[in-house]
C-alpha atoms as a PDB file:
ATOM      1  CA  MET A   1     -14.904   4.258  55.967  1.00  0.00           C
ATOM      2  CA  VAL A   2     -16.903   6.815  53.673  1.00  0.00           C
ATOM      3  CA  SER A   3     -18.050   9.456  55.674  1.00  0.00           C
ATOM      4  CA  ALA A   4     -22.136   9.662  56.074  1.00  0.00           C
ATOM      5  CA  SER A   5     -21.819  13.105  54.887  1.00  0.00           C
ATOM      6  CA  ARG A   6     -19.714  12.142  51.658  1.00  0.00           C
ATOM      7  CA  THR A   7     -22.550   9.553  50.951  1.00  0.00           C
ATOM      8  CA  ALA A   8     -25.339  11.627  51.664  1.00  0.00           C
ATOM      9  CA  TYR A   9     -23.996  14.343  48.941  1.00  0.00           C
ATOM     10  CA  VAL A  10     -24.501  13.314  45.351  1.00  0.00           C
ATOM     11  CA  SER A  11     -24.018  16.054  43.172  1.00  0.00           C
ATOM     12  CA  ASP A  12     -26.721  17.012  40.158  1.00  0.00           C
ATOM     13  CA  VAL A  13     -24.200  15.899  37.698  1.00  0.00           C
ATOM     14  CA  GLU A  14     -24.164  12.554  38.985  1.00  0.00           C
ATOM     15  CA  ARG A  15     -27.733  11.949  39.816  1.00  0.00           C
ATOM     16  CA  SER A  16     -30.283   9.769  37.534  1.00  0.00           C
ATOM     17  CA  ASP A  17     -32.664  11.465  35.325  1.00  0.00           C
ATOM     18  CA  GLU A  18     -35.546   9.803  38.570  1.00  0.00           C
ATOM     19  CA  GLN A  19     -33.520  12.074  41.400  1.00  0.00           C
ATOM     20  CA  LEU A  20     -32.765  14.585  39.238  1.00  0.00           C
ATOM     21  CA  ILE A  21     -36.655  14.801  38.317  1.00  0.00           C
ATOM     22  CA  GLU A  22     -37.685  14.186  42.417  1.00  0.00           C
ATOM     23  CA  ALA A  23     -35.690  17.085  43.197  1.00  0.00           C
ATOM     24  CA  ALA A  24     -37.136  19.365  40.578  1.00  0.00           C
ATOM     25  CA  GLN A  25     -40.688  18.286  41.709  1.00  0.00           C
ATOM     26  CA  ARG A  26     -39.610  19.621  45.042  1.00  0.00           C
ATOM     27  CA  GLY A  27     -38.841  23.277  43.508  1.00  0.00           C
ATOM     28  CA  ASP A  28     -34.983  22.559  42.745  1.00  0.00           C
ATOM     29  CA  ARG A  29     -34.087  24.880  40.235  1.00  0.00           C
ATOM     30  CA  ALA A  30     -30.459  23.546  39.758  1.00  0.00           C
ATOM     31  CA  ALA A  31     -32.322  20.064  38.750  1.00  0.00           C
ATOM     32  CA  ILE A  32     -34.225  21.418  36.159  1.00  0.00           C
ATOM     33  CA  GLU A  33     -30.768  23.604  34.752  1.00  0.00           C
ATOM     34  CA  THR A  34     -29.048  20.203  34.727  1.00  0.00           C
ATOM     35  CA  LEU A  35     -32.051  18.147  33.201  1.00  0.00           C
ATOM     36  CA  LEU A  36     -31.970  20.928  30.656  1.00  0.00           C
ATOM     37  CA  ALA A  37     -27.895  20.838  30.232  1.00  0.00           C
ATOM     38  CA  ARG A  38     -28.498  16.920  30.033  1.00  0.00           C
ATOM     39  CA  HIS A  39     -30.873  16.982  27.142  1.00  0.00           C
ATOM     40  CA  GLU A  40     -30.734  20.111  25.652  1.00  0.00           C
ATOM     41  CA  GLN A  41     -28.234  18.712  22.309  1.00  0.00           C
ATOM     42  CA  GLN A  42     -30.885  15.370  21.901  1.00  0.00           C
ATOM     43  CA  ILE A  43     -33.744  17.720  21.395  1.00  0.00           C
ATOM     44  CA  TYR A  44     -31.427  20.584  19.525  1.00  0.00           C
ATOM     45  CA  ARG A  45     -30.558  18.102  16.970  1.00  0.00           C
ATOM     46  CA  PHE A  46     -34.218  16.683  16.375  1.00  0.00           C
ATOM     47  CA  GLY A  47     -35.721  20.375  15.701  1.00  0.00           C
ATOM     48  CA  LEU A  48     -32.474  21.071  13.310  1.00  0.00           C
ATOM     49  CA  LYS A  49     -33.568  17.695  11.546  1.00  0.00           C
ATOM     50  CA  MET A  50     -37.219  17.718  11.690  1.00  0.00           C
ATOM     51  CA  CYS A  51     -37.247  22.084  10.689  1.00  0.00           C
ATOM     52  CA  SER A  52     -33.784  22.362   8.646  1.00  0.00           C
ATOM     53  CA  ASP A  53     -33.540  25.657   9.789  1.00  0.00           C
ATOM     54  CA  GLY A  54     -31.706  26.552  12.859  1.00  0.00           C
ATOM     55  CA  GLU A  55     -34.253  29.474  14.194  1.00  0.00           C
ATOM     56  CA  ASP A  56     -36.815  27.262  14.559  1.00  0.00           C
ATOM     57  CA  ALA A  57     -34.569  24.383  16.283  1.00  0.00           C
ATOM     58  CA  LYS A  58     -33.989  27.251  18.865  1.00  0.00           C
ATOM     59  CA  GLU A  59     -37.547  27.641  19.423  1.00  0.00           C
ATOM     60  CA  VAL A  60     -38.229  23.988  19.882  1.00  0.00           C
ATOM     61  CA  LEU A  61     -35.496  23.594  21.829  1.00  0.00           C
ATOM     62  CA  GLN A  62     -37.100  26.874  24.229  1.00  0.00           C
ATOM     63  CA  GLU A  63     -40.592  26.022  23.977  1.00  0.00           C
ATOM     64  CA  THR A  64     -40.038  22.249  24.732  1.00  0.00           C
ATOM     65  CA  MET A  65     -37.721  22.769  27.707  1.00  0.00           C
ATOM     66  CA  LEU A  66     -40.185  25.268  29.140  1.00  0.00           C
ATOM     67  CA  ALA A  67     -42.834  22.686  28.788  1.00  0.00           C
ATOM     68  CA  MET A  68     -40.653  20.384  30.550  1.00  0.00           C
ATOM     69  CA  ALA A  69     -40.386  22.762  33.792  1.00  0.00           C
ATOM     70  CA  ARG A  70     -44.356  23.778  33.621  1.00  0.00           C
ATOM     71  CA  ASN A  71     -45.151  20.209  33.357  1.00  0.00           C
ATOM     72  CA  LEU A  72     -42.549  18.147  35.548  1.00  0.00           C
ATOM     73  CA  PRO A  73     -44.769  18.400  38.740  1.00  0.00           C
ATOM     74  CA  THR A  74     -47.647  16.409  37.095  1.00  0.00           C
ATOM     75  CA  PHE A  75     -44.299  14.185  35.028  1.00  0.00           C
ATOM     76  CA  ARG A  76     -45.181  10.902  36.586  1.00  0.00           C
ATOM     77  CA  GLY A  77     -42.268   8.555  34.396  1.00  0.00           C
ATOM     78  CA  GLN A  78     -44.973   6.408  32.411  1.00  0.00           C
ATOM     79  CA  ALA A  79     -41.994   6.960  30.057  1.00  0.00           C
ATOM     80  CA  SER A  80     -38.408   8.334  29.780  1.00  0.00           C
ATOM     81  CA  ILE A  81     -37.429  11.793  30.217  1.00  0.00           C
ATOM     82  CA  SER A  82     -36.064  11.226  26.503  1.00  0.00           C
ATOM     83  CA  THR A  83     -39.095   9.815  25.624  1.00  0.00           C
ATOM     84  CA  TRP A  84     -41.342  12.423  26.571  1.00  0.00           C
ATOM     85  CA  LEU A  85     -38.975  15.119  25.694  1.00  0.00           C
ATOM     86  CA  TYR A  86     -39.367  13.973  22.141  1.00  0.00           C
ATOM     87  CA  THR A  87     -42.898  14.044  22.211  1.00  0.00           C
ATOM     88  CA  ILE A  88     -43.158  17.250  23.237  1.00  0.00           C
ATOM     89  CA  ALA A  89     -40.166  18.205  20.439  1.00  0.00           C
ATOM     90  CA  ARG A  90     -42.565  16.733  17.995  1.00  0.00           C
ATOM     91  CA  SER A  91     -45.435  18.603  18.211  1.00  0.00           C
ATOM     92  CA  PHE A  92     -43.279  22.258  18.423  1.00  0.00           C
ATOM     93  CA  CYS A  93     -41.649  20.819  15.125  1.00  0.00           C
ATOM     94  CA  ILE A  94     -45.539  19.964  13.827  1.00  0.00           C
ATOM     95  CA  LYS A  95     -46.626  23.516  14.568  1.00  0.00           C
ATOM     96  CA  ARG A  96     -43.158  25.406  13.269  1.00  0.00           C
ATOM     97  CA  ARG A  97     -43.957  23.192   9.934  1.00  0.00           C
ATOM     98  CA  ARG A  98     -47.103  24.245   9.300  1.00  0.00           C
ATOM     99  CA  LEU A  99     -46.082  27.949  10.533  1.00  0.00           C
ATOM    100  CA  HIS A 100     -44.059  27.346   7.203  1.00  0.00           C
ATOM    101  CA  GLN A 101     -46.470  25.568   4.589  1.00  0.00           C
ATOM    102  CA  ALA A 102     -47.090  28.688   2.334  1.00  0.00           C
ATOM    103  CA  GLU A 103     -43.452  28.982   2.184  1.00  0.00           C
ATOM    104  CA  PRO A 104     -41.435  27.283  -0.591  1.00  0.00           C
ATOM    105  CA  ALA A 105     -39.819  24.334   0.058  1.00  0.00           C
ATOM    106  CA  SER A 106     -36.039  24.619   0.303  1.00  0.00           C
ATOM    107  CA  TYR A 107     -33.070  22.920   2.206  1.00  0.00           C
ATOM    108  CA  GLU A 108     -29.798  24.177   2.602  1.00  0.00           C
ATOM    109  CA  PRO A 109     -26.983  22.054   4.141  1.00  0.00           C
ATOM    110  CA  LEU A 110     -26.187  22.828   7.806  1.00  0.00           C
ATOM    111  CA  ASP A 111     -22.681  23.788   8.266  1.00  0.00           C
ATOM    112  CA  HIS A 112     -22.095  20.843  11.163  1.00  0.00           C
ATOM    113  CA  ALA A 113     -21.208  17.934   8.029  1.00  0.00           C
ATOM    114  CA  SER A 114     -17.611  18.029   8.077  1.00  0.00           C
ATOM    115  CA  HIS A 115     -17.381  16.904  11.558  1.00  0.00           C
ATOM    116  CA  VAL A 116     -18.342  13.312  10.612  1.00  0.00           C
ATOM    117  CA  ALA A 117     -14.887  13.262   8.505  1.00  0.00           C
ATOM    118  CA  ALA A 118     -11.484  11.439   9.128  1.00  0.00           C
ATOM    119  CA  VAL A 119      -9.412  13.202  10.873  1.00  0.00           C
ATOM    120  CA  GLY A 120      -6.146  14.121   9.528  1.00  0.00           C
ATOM    121  CA  GLY A 121      -7.254  12.830   6.052  1.00  0.00           C
ATOM    122  CA  SER A 122      -5.156  13.989   3.016  1.00  0.00           C
ATOM    123  CA  PRO A 123      -7.415  17.111   1.271  1.00  0.00           C
ATOM    124  CA  GLU A 124      -8.607  14.821  -0.972  1.00  0.00           C
ATOM    125  CA  ASP A 125      -9.949  12.411   1.709  1.00  0.00           C
ATOM    126  CA  LEU A 126     -11.796  15.290   3.358  1.00  0.00           C
ATOM    127  CA  ALA A 127     -13.436  16.800   0.398  1.00  0.00           C
ATOM    128  CA  SER A 128     -14.807  13.227  -0.457  1.00  0.00           C
ATOM    129  CA  ALA A 129     -15.785  12.933   2.916  1.00  0.00           C
ATOM    130  CA  GLN A 130     -17.511  16.534   3.212  1.00  0.00           C
ATOM    131  CA  GLU A 131     -19.231  15.556  -0.209  1.00  0.00           C
ATOM    132  CA  VAL A 132     -21.165  12.360   1.193  1.00  0.00           C
ATOM    133  CA  ASN A 133     -21.757  13.984   4.412  1.00  0.00           C
ATOM    134  CA  ARG A 134     -23.999  16.815   2.463  1.00  0.00           C
ATOM    135  CA  ALA A 135     -25.429  14.074   0.096  1.00  0.00           C
ATOM    136  CA  LEU A 136     -26.204  12.550   3.311  1.00  0.00           C
ATOM    137  CA  GLU A 137     -27.791  15.484   4.836  1.00  0.00           C
ATOM    138  CA  GLY A 138     -29.909  16.165   1.818  1.00  0.00           C
ATOM    139  CA  ALA A 139     -31.114  13.101   1.282  1.00  0.00           C
ATOM    140  CA  ILE A 140     -32.309  12.965   4.957  1.00  0.00           C
ATOM    141  CA  ALA A 141     -34.122  16.629   4.574  1.00  0.00           C
ATOM    142  CA  THR A 142     -35.712  15.370   1.711  1.00  0.00           C
ATOM    143  CA  LEU A 143     -37.473  12.592   3.610  1.00  0.00           C
ATOM    144  CA  ALA A 144     -41.202  13.035   4.241  1.00  0.00           C
ATOM    145  CA  PRO A 145     -41.657  14.383   7.519  1.00  0.00           C
ATOM    146  CA  GLU A 146     -43.201  11.350   8.850  1.00  0.00           C
ATOM    147  CA  TYR A 147     -40.109   8.951   7.932  1.00  0.00           C
ATOM    148  CA  ARG A 148     -37.450  11.445   8.349  1.00  0.00           C
ATOM    149  CA  GLU A 149     -38.468  11.776  12.172  1.00  0.00           C
ATOM    150  CA  VAL A 150     -38.174   8.130  12.844  1.00  0.00           C
ATOM    151  CA  LEU A 151     -35.183   7.343  10.917  1.00  0.00           C
ATOM    152  CA  TRP A 152     -33.510  10.071  12.795  1.00  0.00           C
ATOM    153  CA  LEU A 153     -34.612   8.699  16.359  1.00  0.00           C
ATOM    154  CA  ARG A 154     -33.854   5.449  15.917  1.00  0.00           C
ATOM    155  CA  ASP A 155     -30.723   5.408  13.853  1.00  0.00           C
ATOM    156  CA  ALA A 156     -29.375   8.710  14.650  1.00  0.00           C
ATOM    157  CA  GLU A 157     -30.128   8.951  18.347  1.00  0.00           C
ATOM    158  CA  GLY A 158     -30.630   5.641  19.155  1.00  0.00           C
ATOM    159  CA  LEU A 159     -33.652   5.016  20.440  1.00  0.00           C
ATOM    160  CA  SER A 160     -35.088   1.438  20.242  1.00  0.00           C
ATOM    161  CA  ALA A 161     -38.395   0.913  17.780  1.00  0.00           C
ATOM    162  CA  ALA A 162     -40.312   0.659  20.576  1.00  0.00           C
ATOM    163  CA  GLU A 163     -39.020   3.987  22.186  1.00  0.00           C
ATOM    164  CA  VAL A 164     -39.415   5.613  19.070  1.00  0.00           C
ATOM    165  CA  ALA A 165     -43.134   3.978  18.734  1.00  0.00           C
ATOM    166  CA  ALA A 166     -44.047   5.605  22.217  1.00  0.00           C
ATOM    167  CA  VAL A 167     -42.642   8.829  20.716  1.00  0.00           C
ATOM    168  CA  LEU A 168     -45.076   8.827  17.676  1.00  0.00           C
ATOM    169  CA  GLY A 169     -47.987   7.708  18.806  1.00  0.00           C
ATOM    170  CA  LEU A 170     -47.306   4.456  16.523  1.00  0.00           C
ATOM    171  CA  SER A 171     -47.460   0.914  16.509  1.00  0.00           C
ATOM    172  CA  VAL A 172     -43.832  -0.938  16.698  1.00  0.00           C
ATOM    173  CA  ASP A 173     -44.490  -2.189  13.335  1.00  0.00           C
ATOM    174  CA  ALA A 174     -45.676   0.664  11.573  1.00  0.00           C
ATOM    175  CA  VAL A 175     -42.173   2.249  13.071  1.00  0.00           C
ATOM    176  CA  LYS A 176     -40.233  -0.392  11.829  1.00  0.00           C
ATOM    177  CA  SER A 177     -42.467  -0.365   8.620  1.00  0.00           C
ATOM    178  CA  ARG A 178     -41.170   3.414   7.734  1.00  0.00           C
ATOM    179  CA  LEU A 179     -37.665   2.979   9.068  1.00  0.00           C
ATOM    180  CA  HIS A 180     -36.900   0.413   6.290  1.00  0.00           C
ATOM    181  CA  ARG A 181     -38.427   2.684   3.735  1.00  0.00           C
ATOM    182  CA  ALA A 182     -36.423   5.604   4.932  1.00  0.00           C
ATOM    183  CA  ARG A 183     -33.498   3.473   5.572  1.00  0.00           C
ATOM    184  CA  LEU A 184     -33.538   2.184   1.381  1.00  0.00           C
ATOM    185  CA  GLN A 185     -34.389   6.054   0.243  1.00  0.00           C
ATOM    186  CA  VAL A 186     -31.625   7.790   2.220  1.00  0.00           C
ATOM    187  CA  ARG A 187     -29.012   4.879   1.024  1.00  0.00           C
ATOM    188  CA  ALA A 188     -30.152   4.729  -2.560  1.00  0.00           C
ATOM    189  CA  GLU A 189     -29.606   8.791  -2.687  1.00  0.00           C
ATOM    190  CA  VAL A 190     -26.422   8.686  -0.855  1.00  0.00           C
ATOM    191  CA  ALA A 191     -24.497   5.360  -2.614  1.00  0.00           C
ATOM    192  CA  PRO A 192     -23.551   6.939  -6.116  1.00  0.00           C
ATOM    193  CA  VAL A 193     -21.617   9.610  -3.924  1.00  0.00           C
ATOM    194  CA  LEU A 194     -20.323   7.154  -1.076  1.00  0.00           C
ATOM    195  CA  ALA A 195     -18.989   4.919  -4.081  1.00  0.00           C
ATOM    196  CA  PRO A 196     -18.835   6.145  -7.174  1.00  0.00           C
ATOM    197  CA  GLY A 197     -19.262   3.367 -10.403  1.00  0.00           C
ATOM    198  CA  ALA A 198     -20.707   0.691  -8.288  1.00  0.00           C
ATOM    199  CA  GLU A 199     -22.830  -1.433 -10.173  1.00  0.00           C
ATOM    200  CA  ALA A 200     -26.188  -2.263  -8.899  1.00  0.00           C
ATOM    201  CA  PRO A 201     -27.300  -5.986  -7.928  1.00  0.00           C
ATOM    202  CA  SER A 202     -28.610  -7.917 -10.940  1.00  0.00           C
ATOM    203  CA  ALA A 203     -32.748  -8.361 -11.614  1.00  0.00           C
ATOM    204  CA  THR A 204     -31.898 -11.722 -10.456  1.00  0.00           C
ATOM    205  CA  CYS A 205     -30.380 -10.639  -6.884  1.00  0.00           C
ATOM    206  CA  PRO A 206     -32.611 -10.873  -3.642  1.00  0.00           C
ATOM    207  CA  ASP A 207     -33.509  -7.687  -2.100  1.00  0.00           C
ATOM    208  CA  VAL A 208     -30.363  -7.339   0.189  1.00  0.00           C
ATOM    209  CA  ALA A 209     -30.900  -3.913   1.368  1.00  0.00           C
ATOM    210  CA  SER A 210     -34.141  -4.856   2.495  1.00  0.00           C
ATOM    211  CA  LEU A 211     -33.105  -8.052   4.102  1.00  0.00           C
ATOM    212  CA  LEU A 212     -30.245  -6.207   6.208  1.00  0.00           C
ATOM    213  CA  SER A 213     -32.650  -3.535   7.593  1.00  0.00           C
ATOM    214  CA  GLN A 214     -34.780  -6.141   8.599  1.00  0.00           C
ATOM    215  CA  HIS A 215     -32.434  -8.057   9.974  1.00  0.00           C
ATOM    216  CA  LEU A 216     -31.051  -5.197  12.233  1.00  0.00           C
ATOM    217  CA  GLU A 217     -34.127  -4.541  13.579  1.00  0.00           C
ATOM    218  CA  GLY A 218     -34.308  -8.655  14.154  1.00  0.00           C
ATOM    219  CA  ASP A 219     -37.211  -9.490  11.727  1.00  0.00           C
ATOM    220  CA  ILE A 220     -35.811 -12.427   9.503  1.00  0.00           C
ATOM    221  CA  THR A 221     -35.670 -15.774  10.617  1.00  0.00           C
ATOM    222  CA  ALA A 222     -32.257 -17.827  10.895  1.00  0.00           C
ATOM    223  CA  ASP A 223     -32.607 -18.975   7.619  1.00  0.00           C
ATOM    224  CA  VAL A 224     -33.316 -16.581   5.979  1.00  0.00           C
ATOM    225  CA  CYS A 225     -30.321 -14.566   7.454  1.00  0.00           C
ATOM    226  CA  ALA A 226     -28.321 -17.771   6.203  1.00  0.00           C
ATOM    227  CA  THR A 227     -29.841 -17.828   3.170  1.00  0.00           C
ATOM    228  CA  MET A 228     -28.612 -13.966   2.367  1.00  0.00           C
ATOM    229  CA  GLU A 229     -25.342 -14.462   3.584  1.00  0.00           C
ATOM    230  CA  ALA A 230     -24.682 -17.547   1.432  1.00  0.00           C
ATOM    231  CA  HIS A 231     -25.250 -15.338  -1.166  1.00  0.00           C
ATOM    232  CA  LEU A 232     -23.331 -12.364  -0.131  1.00  0.00           C
ATOM    233  CA  SER A 233     -20.837 -14.790  -0.245  1.00  0.00           C
ATOM    234  CA  THR A 234     -20.007 -15.286  -4.000  1.00  0.00           C
ATOM    235  CA  CYS A 235     -22.295 -11.790  -5.042  1.00  0.00           C
ATOM    236  CA  ALA A 236     -19.727  -8.612  -4.823  1.00  0.00           C
ATOM    237  CA  ARG A 237     -22.299  -6.174  -5.660  1.00  0.00           C
ATOM    238  CA  CYS A 238     -25.058  -7.232  -3.269  1.00  0.00           C
ATOM    239  CA  ARG A 239     -21.882  -7.440  -0.331  1.00  0.00           C
ATOM    240  CA  ALA A 240     -21.110  -3.542  -1.928  1.00  0.00           C
ATOM    241  CA  THR A 241     -25.342  -2.684  -1.538  1.00  0.00           C
ATOM    242  CA  CYS A 242     -24.898  -4.186   2.634  1.00  0.00           C
ATOM    243  CA  ASP A 243     -21.905  -1.952   2.933  1.00  0.00           C
ATOM    244  CA  SER A 244     -23.238   1.095   1.711  1.00  0.00           C
ATOM    245  CA  LEU A 245     -26.324   0.849   3.288  1.00  0.00           C
ATOM    246  CA  ARG A 246     -23.931   0.163   7.263  1.00  0.00           C
ATOM    247  CA  GLU A 247     -21.852   3.047   6.080  1.00  0.00           C
ATOM    248  CA  VAL A 248     -24.791   5.176   5.677  1.00  0.00           C
ATOM    249  CA  LEU A 249     -26.446   4.564   9.167  1.00  0.00           C
ATOM    250  CA  ALA A 250     -23.018   4.395  10.767  1.00  0.00           C
ATOM    251  CA  ARG A 251     -23.138   7.943   9.564  1.00  0.00           C
ATOM    252  CA  CYS A 252     -26.298   8.753  10.722  1.00  0.00           C
ATOM    253  CA  ARG A 253     -25.413   8.518  14.289  1.00  0.00           C
ATOM    254  CA  ARG A 254     -22.167  10.753  13.156  1.00  0.00           C
ATOM    255  CA  THR A 255     -23.947  13.351  11.881  1.00  0.00           C
ATOM    256  CA  GLY A 256     -25.615  16.717  13.416  1.00  0.00           C
ATOM    257  CA  PRO A 257     -23.628  19.099  15.567  1.00  0.00           C
ATOM    258  CA  GLU A 258     -21.521  18.130  17.885  1.00  0.00           C
ATOM    259  CA  GLY A 259     -23.294  20.869  20.721  1.00  0.00           C
ATOM    260  CA  VAL A 260     -25.770  23.439  21.150  1.00  0.00           C
ATOM    261  CA  PRO A 261     -24.387  26.914  20.060  1.00  0.00           C
ATOM    262  CA  PRO A 262     -23.824  29.071  23.015  1.00  0.00           C
ATOM    263  CA  SER A 263     -26.032  31.529  21.896  1.00  0.00           C
ATOM    264  CA  VAL A 264     -28.914  29.535  21.884  1.00  0.00           C
ATOM    265  CA  GLN A 265     -27.946  27.906  25.243  1.00  0.00           C
ATOM    266  CA  ARG A 266     -27.883  31.543  26.786  1.00  0.00           C
ATOM    267  CA  SER A 267     -31.456  32.075  25.197  1.00  0.00           C
ATOM    268  CA  VAL A 268     -33.152  28.982  26.354  1.00  0.00           C
ATOM    269  CA  ARG A 269     -31.582  29.335  29.596  1.00  0.00           C
ATOM    270  CA  SER A 270     -32.769  33.568  29.823  1.00  0.00           C
ATOM    271  CA  ALA A 271     -36.383  32.480  28.895  1.00  0.00           C
ATOM    272  CA  LEU A 272     -36.239  29.447  31.879  1.00  0.00           C
ATOM    273  CA  GLN A 273     -35.088  31.670  34.057  1.00  0.00           C
ATOM    274  CA  HIS A 274     -37.811  33.992  33.297  1.00  0.00           C
ATOM    275  CA  ALA A 275     -40.303  32.050  33.790  1.00  0.00           C
ATOM    276  CA  LEU A 276     -39.095  29.705  36.834  1.00  0.00           C
ATOM    277  CA  GLY A 277     -39.525  33.752  38.231  1.00  0.00           C
END
């Protein structure tokens, strides 16, 4: 039999977000710090993708977590904490972009693309993987912000279309419309690097990339799906198009930093401790 003292004790790491929020609302500072540790990477990644600048991403993370600490007492759980934090982070990303509106647009590839390369590959394989990753980073960065945020939240962070809609204040249909457009634009830019020399589908082929994107969201009928599958079984060019879209989306899920830089973590925790008094 497990002792009562053992069953009564649950570490912060083992607690659900809901339990941590309840503890934080009772004044448990350790619970707030655990929530920070649990969600800081996703917010930092989002800040990097929406701002394309490490310093801006640090500011977005810091301001988001300070806002979380200030507003936890009134949080009632109408949405998940992840959705809530993304909503807060997005507002700070928009403010950062407005600050830079007068600056010339530019994109500098971030130094975290190589971690998705195949481990143990040849130098040629590594160089090829890095080239594809740079192309993907650049393609995502050049999307208009309203398309970039949808692609990132849905295909990199794995939120459902309904969750993305809640973060952005859009309808699910609007999210999906933006998502399909973003996916096709990124695939078109990355495909020449991913599969050099691959032939494009002919003018008589269906728009298989668009159909596949819709299929991934459950938005085409079984009959349309069967027709597409029949076409793919006989058309190598369209199969290659679908394969390239699948590969791009798989790489979206693996791109981004694997953690928050220690210097950023220290800065955010120092600001949080100061704010909490």
